[in-house]
Amino acid sequence: MFSPYTIHELNNYIVSNRWRRNHALAWIHEYSNGIQFQWDKITRKFVPKCLRKEKIVEGRRQLVYYWDFIESIDDYAARVSNVNSSNTSSSNFLLNYTTRATDILSPILDVSDKSDFMYGIELEYEGMSNSNLRKTQELLDQFAITKRDSSLINGFEICTTPASFSIHENNFKVFFKNFPEGLHPASTTGMHVHISRDPMSFLQLGKILAFMNNEDNDDLIWDIAGREENSYCRRTQTRDMKSYPFRYQQGRDRYQRVNLQNNRTIELRIFSTPDKYEEFMHKLEFCKSLVDYSSPGVISARDAEQQDVYLEFMYKHRHLYPNVS
C-alpha cells in the first residue's frame, strides 16, 4: 500500500504533541507493510525498530539510528528486501546529502582531553564500488556516515560525528591502515574540517580569519592544504579581525577558506583529500595548531596574522604537531 507521506514529513508534523504522535504512529503501522516503528525520546523522531542498535564504545552507551536514509515507508520496505542482493547498487547504501552525522550518531568525547574543542571531518573520495563502500562503513562504524555528494562523479562523502581530536586520530589510523581498495582522491574531492564554535570568543575567531585571509600567508596555507585556491575555498581580504564581529558572524558565502555559515562550527575548506594517515594528520594538526595559536593569551591581536609569529609558535610547540612541524 502506498504511503503519501515520508517519515520526515510526519516527524515535522508531530512536533511534541502526544495526540498527534499516537495518531501518526497508528497511521504509519497501517501503511508500513508489517515494519514496526517506534517513537524515540532522544531524537524525538519515529525510527524503525530494526534500524536501531546499541553499542558500548569506550565505556559509553551509544545508540545509532539509520532512519535518515528512509525516503518513504515503501522505499524502506524495498531496500530491506534487496539489501542482501548482489545486484543492489552501492548508491542504495548512501544517505542523502542533507543528512548530518549528528542526526544519527552521538558526539564522542575523550574525557582525558582537556580541550573544549571538538572536530568534525568531511572526506570526499572517487572510485566508489559496493565493496569499498561497505568496507568504509565497517571501518568507521558508529563514528562516521557515508552519503551522496552531487559534486562527485562516482564517489561518496565521509562525515564524522563531532569528536575530540584524539578520537579522530585513533579512528582514522585504523581507516588508513586498511584503506579501501579503489578509493582515490581527485580534482573533484576535498577535505573539510569543522571546529567547535561555542568555545571561541569573537577575538579568537577574528584571529583565525585574519591569519587565513592574509595574502602574505598564501604560500604557507596552500603548501599545508595540498592544493591551490579554487572557487570552493576563496580568500577574502576584507575578512579580518576588525570586521568579523560586525560583518561576518554568519557569513553569506560558504565557499570561503573559513566558512562561517554554520551556527555551531567554523569550517576550514582548504584541504585536498588525503589517502595516507600521515597526510591526514598533517592537515588535522594544522587545524588544531590554528585553534591553539589563536587562543586567549597566546599571541596578541596585532601579531595574529603574521606568518613569522605563527612559525615561531609552531617551532616552540613542535612536539604537539609532529606531522606539521
Protein backbone atom coordinates (compact mmCIF):
# COMPACT_ATOMS: atom_id res chain seq x y z
CA MET A 1 0.00 0.00 0.00
CA PHE A 2 1.40 3.35 -0.99
CA SER A 3 2.17 5.93 1.68
CA PRO A 4 1.68 9.57 0.56
CA TYR A 5 3.90 10.96 3.34
CA THR A 6 7.53 10.46 4.20
CA ILE A 7 8.81 9.75 7.70
CA HIS A 8 10.42 13.21 7.67
CA GLU A 9 7.11 14.93 6.89
CA LEU A 10 5.40 13.06 9.70
CA ASN A 11 8.15 13.95 12.16
CA ASN A 12 7.82 17.62 11.24
CA TYR A 13 4.05 17.43 11.68
CA ILE A 14 4.18 15.69 15.06
CA VAL A 15 6.50 18.09 16.86
CA SER A 16 5.85 17.29 20.55
CA ASN A 17 2.09 16.84 20.54
CA ARG A 18 1.31 13.43 22.12
CA TRP A 19 -2.10 13.05 20.45
CA ARG A 20 -0.61 13.73 17.04
CA ARG A 21 2.22 11.32 17.78
CA ASN A 22 -0.10 8.42 18.70
CA HIS A 23 -2.35 9.14 15.73
CA ALA A 24 0.59 9.24 13.31
CA LEU A 25 2.14 6.07 14.75
CA ALA A 26 -1.11 4.16 14.17
CA TRP A 27 -1.24 5.57 10.63
CA ILE A 28 2.38 4.56 9.95
CA HIS A 29 1.76 0.96 11.01
CA GLU A 30 -1.27 0.80 8.70
CA TYR A 31 0.95 1.62 5.71
CA SER A 32 4.23 0.04 6.78
CA ASN A 33 3.81 -3.47 5.33
CA GLY A 34 4.46 -5.05 8.73
CA ILE A 35 7.50 -2.94 9.60
CA GLN A 36 7.33 -1.74 13.19
CA PHE A 37 8.23 1.85 14.09
CA GLN A 38 8.69 3.47 17.47
CA TRP A 39 8.89 6.99 18.87
CA ASP A 40 12.42 7.73 20.03
CA LYS A 41 12.68 10.08 23.01
CA ILE A 42 16.30 11.03 22.31
CA THR A 43 15.95 12.16 18.69
CA ARG A 44 12.21 12.91 19.07
CA LYS A 45 11.53 11.17 15.78
CA PHE A 46 9.97 7.94 14.52
CA VAL A 47 12.59 5.25 13.90
CA PRO A 48 12.18 1.71 12.52
CA LYS A 49 12.78 -0.74 15.35
CA CYS A 50 15.02 -2.94 13.24
CA LEU A 51 17.27 0.00 12.36
CA ARG A 52 18.16 0.92 15.91
CA LYS A 53 21.11 -0.65 17.67
CA GLU A 54 23.10 -0.06 20.80
CA LYS A 55 26.82 -0.41 21.31
CA ILE A 56 29.26 0.31 24.11
CA VAL A 57 32.17 2.45 22.89
CA GLU A 58 34.97 3.20 25.35
CA GLY A 59 32.64 2.52 28.25
CA ARG A 60 29.90 4.84 26.94
CA ARG A 61 26.44 3.66 25.83
CA GLN A 62 25.70 4.84 22.32
CA LEU A 63 22.59 4.48 20.21
CA VAL A 64 22.81 4.61 16.43
CA TYR A 65 19.90 5.42 14.12
CA TYR A 66 19.69 4.77 10.41
CA TRP A 67 16.26 6.29 9.80
CA ASP A 68 17.56 9.29 7.84
CA PHE A 69 18.01 7.42 4.58
CA ILE A 70 14.33 6.45 4.52
CA GLU A 71 12.53 8.36 1.77
CA SER A 72 9.15 6.69 2.33
CA ILE A 73 7.82 3.60 4.02
CA ASP A 74 7.54 1.78 0.69
CA ASP A 75 11.10 2.74 -0.30
CA TYR A 76 12.30 1.38 3.03
CA ALA A 77 10.48 -1.92 2.54
CA ALA A 78 12.07 -2.26 -0.92
CA ARG A 79 15.54 -1.57 0.48
CA VAL A 80 15.11 -4.18 3.23
CA SER A 81 14.09 -6.85 0.72
CA ASN A 82 17.04 -6.06 -1.58
CA VAL A 83 19.78 -5.36 0.93
CA ASN A 84 21.33 -8.82 0.56
CA SER A 85 21.07 -8.87 -3.22
CA SER A 86 24.39 -8.90 -5.03
CA ASN A 87 22.86 -6.70 -7.73
CA THR A 88 21.99 -3.90 -5.31
CA SER A 89 23.61 -0.64 -6.36
CA SER A 90 26.14 0.83 -3.93
CA SER A 91 24.19 4.11 -4.00
CA ASN A 92 21.40 2.35 -2.07
CA PHE A 93 23.66 2.30 0.97
CA LEU A 94 24.35 6.03 0.90
CA LEU A 95 22.47 8.59 2.96
CA ASN A 96 21.03 11.73 1.42
CA TYR A 97 23.36 14.72 1.14
CA THR A 98 21.32 16.76 3.62
CA THR A 99 21.81 14.17 6.37
CA ARG A 100 24.09 15.31 9.19
CA ALA A 101 26.20 12.89 11.18
CA THR A 102 24.62 14.24 14.38
CA ASP A 103 21.18 13.18 13.11
CA ILE A 104 22.32 9.60 13.55
CA LEU A 105 25.40 9.45 15.75
CA SER A 106 26.21 10.83 19.18
CA PRO A 107 29.27 13.05 19.74
CA ILE A 108 32.26 11.21 21.19
CA LEU A 109 34.30 12.93 23.88
CA ASP A 110 37.68 11.77 25.13
CA VAL A 111 37.46 12.51 28.86
CA SER A 112 41.26 12.68 29.09
CA ASP A 113 41.33 15.51 26.54
CA LYS A 114 41.39 18.81 28.41
CA SER A 115 40.35 20.83 25.36
CA ASP A 116 36.77 22.07 24.98
CA PHE A 117 37.05 21.87 21.19
CA MET A 118 35.57 19.09 19.09
CA TYR A 119 36.17 18.39 15.42
CA GLY A 120 34.15 17.03 12.55
CA ILE A 121 35.70 15.82 9.30
CA GLU A 122 34.30 15.60 5.77
CA LEU A 123 36.29 13.49 3.31
CA GLU A 124 35.30 13.11 -0.35
CA TYR A 125 36.52 10.17 -2.47
CA GLU A 126 36.02 8.99 -6.03
CA GLY A 127 36.09 5.39 -7.26
CA MET A 128 33.08 4.06 -5.36
CA SER A 129 32.16 0.39 -5.56
CA ASN A 130 29.96 -1.90 -3.46
CA SER A 131 32.98 -3.45 -1.77
CA ASN A 132 34.92 -0.29 -0.84
CA LEU A 133 31.75 1.46 0.35
CA ARG A 134 30.87 -1.46 2.61
CA LYS A 135 34.43 -1.62 3.91
CA THR A 136 34.42 2.11 4.66
CA GLN A 137 31.18 1.74 6.61
CA GLU A 138 32.59 -1.21 8.57
CA LEU A 139 35.85 0.58 9.41
CA LEU A 140 34.11 3.76 10.57
CA ASP A 141 31.02 2.18 12.13
CA GLN A 142 29.37 4.41 14.78
CA PHE A 143 31.98 7.09 14.11
CA ALA A 144 31.03 8.38 10.64
CA ILE A 145 28.32 8.21 8.00
CA THR A 146 28.65 7.89 4.22
CA LYS A 147 26.43 9.97 1.98
CA ARG A 148 25.88 11.24 -1.54
CA ASP A 149 27.57 14.34 -2.94
CA SER A 150 26.45 15.69 -6.32
CA SER A 151 29.83 17.36 -6.92
CA LEU A 152 31.43 13.91 -7.26
CA ILE A 153 31.41 11.83 -10.45
CA ASN A 154 31.34 8.35 -8.89
CA GLY A 155 32.11 8.85 -5.24
CA PHE A 156 30.80 9.50 -1.78
CA GLU A 157 31.45 11.66 1.25
CA ILE A 158 32.52 10.51 4.70
CA CYS A 159 31.22 12.68 7.56
CA THR A 160 32.30 12.03 11.12
CA THR A 161 30.34 12.71 14.26
CA PRO A 162 31.71 15.56 16.42
CA ALA A 163 34.56 14.12 18.44
CA SER A 164 37.71 15.01 20.34
CA PHE A 165 40.97 15.33 18.43
CA SER A 166 42.31 12.03 19.79
CA ILE A 167 39.16 10.15 18.74
CA HIS A 168 39.69 11.23 15.12
CA GLU A 169 43.36 10.39 15.40
CA ASN A 170 42.66 6.81 16.53
CA ASN A 171 39.75 6.04 14.22
CA PHE A 172 41.44 7.29 11.07
CA LYS A 173 44.64 5.45 11.93
CA VAL A 174 42.64 2.24 11.59
CA PHE A 175 40.86 3.50 8.45
CA PHE A 176 44.00 4.44 6.55
CA LYS A 177 45.83 1.30 7.67
CA ASN A 178 43.04 -0.69 5.97
CA PHE A 179 42.30 1.87 3.24
CA PRO A 180 39.58 0.50 0.91
CA GLU A 181 40.93 -0.53 -2.47
CA GLY A 182 39.75 1.57 -5.39
CA LEU A 183 39.05 4.76 -3.43
CA HIS A 184 41.17 7.69 -4.51
CA PRO A 185 41.37 11.50 -4.29
CA ALA A 186 40.68 13.52 -7.44
CA SER A 187 40.28 17.09 -8.62
CA THR A 188 36.61 16.86 -7.61
CA THR A 189 37.33 15.87 -3.99
CA GLY A 190 38.36 17.74 -0.86
CA MET A 191 38.67 17.56 2.91
CA HIS A 192 36.77 19.95 5.17
CA VAL A 193 37.33 20.31 8.90
CA HIS A 194 34.66 21.63 11.27
CA ILE A 195 35.75 23.09 14.61
CA SER A 196 33.51 23.85 17.61
CA ARG A 197 32.37 27.44 17.58
CA ASP A 198 30.90 27.67 21.08
CA PRO A 199 34.22 27.82 22.99
CA MET A 200 35.55 30.58 20.71
CA SER A 201 35.37 34.27 21.54
CA PHE A 202 34.92 36.93 18.87
CA LEU A 203 38.60 37.75 19.28
CA GLN A 204 39.76 34.17 18.69
CA LEU A 205 37.58 33.82 15.60
CA GLY A 206 38.88 37.17 14.37
CA LYS A 207 42.49 35.99 14.76
CA ILE A 208 41.77 32.86 12.71
CA LEU A 209 40.08 34.87 9.96
CA ALA A 210 42.92 37.41 9.88
CA PHE A 211 45.58 34.70 9.56
CA MET A 212 43.73 32.62 6.97
CA ASN A 213 42.88 35.60 4.75
CA ASN A 214 46.24 37.37 4.89
CA GLU A 215 47.67 37.32 1.36
CA ASP A 216 51.20 37.01 2.76
CA ASN A 217 50.29 33.59 4.16
CA ASP A 218 49.05 32.12 0.87
CA ASP A 219 52.14 30.04 0.08
CA LEU A 220 52.20 28.52 3.57
CA ILE A 221 48.47 27.80 3.59
CA TRP A 222 48.39 26.12 0.18
CA ASP A 223 51.53 24.12 0.97
CA ILE A 224 49.78 22.70 4.03
CA ALA A 225 46.44 22.31 2.21
CA GLY A 226 48.00 20.31 -0.62
CA ARG A 227 46.29 22.31 -3.36
CA GLU A 228 45.84 25.85 -4.63
CA GLU A 229 42.92 28.21 -4.20
CA ASN A 230 39.75 27.38 -6.13
CA SER A 231 36.15 28.56 -6.31
CA TYR A 232 35.20 26.40 -3.30
CA CYS A 233 37.68 27.99 -0.86
CA ARG A 234 38.40 31.60 -1.75
CA ARG A 235 40.36 34.19 0.19
CA THR A 236 38.60 37.45 1.11
CA GLN A 237 40.91 40.20 2.30
CA THR A 238 38.07 42.14 3.93
CA ARG A 239 37.57 39.26 6.38
CA ASP A 240 39.85 40.44 9.11
CA MET A 241 39.85 40.75 12.88
CA LYS A 242 38.18 44.16 12.99
CA SER A 243 35.36 43.33 10.60
CA TYR A 244 34.42 39.92 12.00
CA PRO A 245 32.07 40.87 14.88
CA PHE A 246 30.22 43.36 12.72
CA ARG A 247 30.00 41.86 9.23
CA TYR A 248 30.90 38.19 9.11
CA GLN A 249 29.48 36.48 12.19
CA GLN A 250 27.43 34.15 10.00
CA GLY A 251 28.83 34.88 6.55
CA ARG A 252 26.89 34.88 3.31
CA ASP A 253 29.20 32.77 1.19
CA ARG A 254 30.15 29.26 2.29
CA TYR A 255 32.85 28.94 -0.38
CA GLN A 256 35.49 30.71 1.67
CA ARG A 257 38.69 29.44 3.26
CA VAL A 258 36.83 29.69 6.56
CA ASN A 259 33.10 29.08 6.22
CA LEU A 260 31.02 30.84 8.89
CA GLN A 261 27.53 29.81 7.77
CA ASN A 262 27.13 27.11 10.41
CA ASN A 263 25.82 28.16 13.83
CA ARG A 264 27.84 25.68 15.88
CA THR A 265 31.07 25.32 13.90
CA ILE A 266 33.55 27.07 11.68
CA GLU A 267 34.67 25.10 8.64
CA LEU A 268 38.12 25.07 7.04
CA ARG A 269 37.58 24.15 3.39
CA ILE A 270 41.10 24.44 2.02
CA PHE A 271 42.41 20.86 2.03
CA SER A 272 42.89 18.24 -0.65
CA THR A 273 41.67 14.75 0.22
CA PRO A 274 44.37 12.55 1.80
CA ASP A 275 44.95 8.89 1.02
CA LYS A 276 47.55 8.31 3.74
CA TYR A 277 47.33 8.65 7.51
CA GLU A 278 50.35 10.98 7.79
CA GLU A 279 48.85 13.34 5.23
CA PHE A 280 45.52 13.30 7.06
CA MET A 281 47.17 14.12 10.41
CA HIS A 282 49.29 16.82 8.76
CA LYS A 283 46.09 18.66 7.88
CA LEU A 284 44.18 17.95 11.08
CA GLU A 285 47.13 19.03 13.23
CA PHE A 286 47.27 22.31 11.32
CA CYS A 287 43.65 22.96 12.35
CA LYS A 288 44.45 22.17 15.96
CA SER A 289 47.53 24.40 15.86
CA LEU A 290 45.40 27.24 14.49
CA VAL A 291 42.99 26.86 17.42
CA ASP A 292 45.85 26.77 19.95
CA TYR A 293 47.69 29.64 18.29
CA SER A 294 44.64 31.92 18.36
CA SER A 295 43.68 31.05 21.95
CA PRO A 296 43.50 33.85 24.55
CA GLY A 297 46.87 34.89 25.95
CA VAL A 298 48.99 33.09 23.36
CA ILE A 299 49.64 35.87 20.85
CA SER A 300 48.44 39.45 20.59
CA ALA A 301 45.70 40.52 18.21
CA ARG A 302 48.24 42.72 16.43
CA ASP A 303 50.52 39.76 15.62
CA ALA A 304 47.88 37.14 14.91
CA GLU A 305 48.02 37.34 11.11
CA GLN A 306 51.84 37.35 10.89
CA GLN A 307 53.37 34.22 9.38
CA ASP A 308 56.68 34.54 11.22
CA VAL A 309 54.84 34.68 14.56
CA TYR A 310 52.90 31.53 13.68
CA LEU A 311 56.06 29.71 12.59
CA GLU A 312 57.78 30.71 15.82
CA PHE A 313 54.80 29.31 17.76
CA MET A 314 54.96 26.07 15.76
CA TYR A 315 58.69 25.66 16.39
CA LYS A 316 58.23 26.23 20.10
CA HIS A 317 55.43 23.64 20.28
CA ARG A 318 56.60 21.28 17.55
CA HIS A 319 56.24 18.25 19.83
CA LEU A 320 52.45 18.81 19.77
CA TYR A 321 52.20 18.81 15.96
CA PRO A 322 54.74 16.21 14.73
CA ASN A 323 53.14 15.84 11.30
CA VAL A 324 53.15 19.59 10.59
CA SER A 325 56.50 20.68 12.00
